[in-house]
């Protein structure tokens, strides 16, 4: 099984990295990015540890999530492996995960 990053989730991770690089330090930015990557690696052997993301149940695709720091790593199983669909800042209102402007703003 392999980890696949959607274009959207890759873009969000890049935005997170850039924000911390510009507003704190390169060290902090790298640590956050590294911790997110480490969290996703566990999904290769154990794809179902995350809780179901209730705010995405209406899609009927069984999205799950892991929490790493202030971020939800949202994923689902696909034929090719584990698809990371979003990195969501948990300090936001949870219903914002469904905001179409969020997805189209990329």
Protein backbone atom coordinates (compact mmCIF):
# COMPACT_ATOMS: atom_id res chain seq x y z
CA UNK A 1 0.00 0.00 0.00
CA UNK A 2 1.30 3.49 -0.77
CA UNK A 3 0.51 7.07 0.24
CA UNK A 4 -0.82 9.34 -2.51
CA UNK A 5 -1.15 13.10 -1.99
CA UNK A 6 -3.92 14.94 -3.85
CA UNK A 7 -2.96 18.20 -5.53
CA UNK A 8 -5.16 20.01 -3.01
CA UNK A 9 -3.53 18.43 0.06
CA UNK A 10 -0.04 19.02 -1.36
CA UNK A 11 -0.93 22.66 -1.89
CA UNK A 12 -2.24 23.02 1.65
CA UNK A 13 0.95 21.46 3.05
CA UNK A 14 3.02 23.87 0.95
CA UNK A 15 0.96 26.80 2.30
CA UNK A 16 1.47 25.61 5.89
CA UNK A 17 5.21 25.24 5.33
CA UNK A 18 5.46 28.68 3.71
CA UNK A 19 3.47 30.34 6.48
CA UNK A 20 5.71 28.96 9.24
CA UNK A 21 8.88 29.63 7.26
CA UNK A 22 7.91 33.29 6.82
CA UNK A 23 6.37 33.86 10.27
CA UNK A 24 8.51 31.74 12.59
CA UNK A 25 11.56 29.96 11.21
CA UNK A 26 12.71 27.42 8.66
CA UNK A 27 13.34 24.98 11.53
CA UNK A 28 9.73 25.18 12.75
CA UNK A 29 8.38 24.89 9.20
CA UNK A 30 10.46 21.79 8.51
CA UNK A 31 9.48 20.18 11.81
CA UNK A 32 5.74 20.64 11.17
CA UNK A 33 6.06 19.29 7.63
CA UNK A 34 8.17 16.35 8.80
CA UNK A 35 5.71 15.46 11.57
CA UNK A 36 2.82 15.47 9.09
CA UNK A 37 4.74 13.15 6.75
CA UNK A 38 5.66 10.82 9.65
CA UNK A 39 2.00 10.60 10.69
CA UNK A 40 0.93 9.53 7.21
CA UNK A 41 3.54 6.75 7.01
CA UNK A 42 1.75 4.71 9.68
CA UNK A 43 -1.20 4.42 7.27
CA UNK A 44 0.80 2.13 4.99
CA UNK A 45 0.56 -0.75 7.47
CA UNK A 46 -2.54 0.35 9.40
CA UNK A 47 -4.94 2.29 7.13
CA UNK A 48 -7.91 2.36 9.52
CA UNK A 49 -6.65 3.92 12.77
CA UNK A 50 -8.20 7.30 12.13
CA UNK A 51 -11.68 8.30 13.11
CA UNK A 52 -14.30 8.84 10.44
CA UNK A 53 -14.56 12.50 9.42
CA UNK A 54 -18.21 13.19 10.15
CA UNK A 55 -18.18 16.51 8.28
CA UNK A 56 -17.46 14.62 5.04
CA UNK A 57 -19.85 11.68 5.51
CA UNK A 58 -22.26 13.18 2.98
CA UNK A 59 -19.70 12.38 0.25
CA UNK A 60 -20.08 8.64 0.90
CA UNK A 61 -16.34 8.00 0.55
CA UNK A 62 -15.43 7.10 4.16
CA UNK A 63 -12.93 9.84 4.86
CA UNK A 64 -10.91 9.31 8.01
CA UNK A 65 -8.44 11.54 9.78
CA UNK A 66 -5.37 11.56 11.98
CA UNK A 67 -4.43 14.50 14.17
CA UNK A 68 -0.89 15.86 14.10
CA UNK A 69 -0.36 19.00 16.13
CA UNK A 70 -3.01 21.51 15.05
CA UNK A 71 -3.82 19.64 11.84
CA UNK A 72 -6.23 16.95 10.73
CA UNK A 73 -4.74 14.78 8.03
CA UNK A 74 -7.82 13.71 6.08
CA UNK A 75 -7.54 10.57 3.97
CA UNK A 76 -9.45 7.71 2.38
CA UNK A 77 -8.62 4.34 0.93
CA UNK A 78 -8.55 4.05 -2.84
CA UNK A 79 -7.62 1.14 -5.07
CA UNK A 80 -4.06 2.47 -5.47
CA UNK A 81 -3.45 3.02 -1.74
CA UNK A 82 -4.19 5.77 0.78
CA UNK A 83 -5.20 9.12 -0.68
CA UNK A 84 -4.44 12.17 1.48
CA UNK A 85 -7.24 14.56 0.54
CA UNK A 86 -6.76 17.47 2.93
CA UNK A 87 -4.70 18.95 5.74
CA UNK A 88 -7.16 20.90 7.86
CA UNK A 89 -6.23 23.33 10.62
CA UNK A 90 -8.26 22.23 13.65
CA UNK A 91 -8.32 25.79 14.99
CA UNK A 92 -10.90 26.62 12.32
CA UNK A 93 -14.64 26.04 12.51
CA UNK A 94 -15.02 22.33 11.57
CA UNK A 95 -17.76 23.02 9.02
CA UNK A 96 -15.24 25.01 6.95
CA UNK A 97 -13.87 21.67 5.75
CA UNK A 98 -16.85 21.62 3.33
CA UNK A 99 -16.47 25.20 2.10
CA UNK A 100 -16.30 25.04 -1.72
CA UNK A 101 -14.35 28.33 -1.80
CA UNK A 102 -11.61 26.63 0.17
CA UNK A 103 -11.19 24.02 -2.56
CA UNK A 104 -11.61 26.37 -5.50
CA UNK A 105 -9.31 28.98 -3.98
CA UNK A 106 -6.25 26.92 -4.84
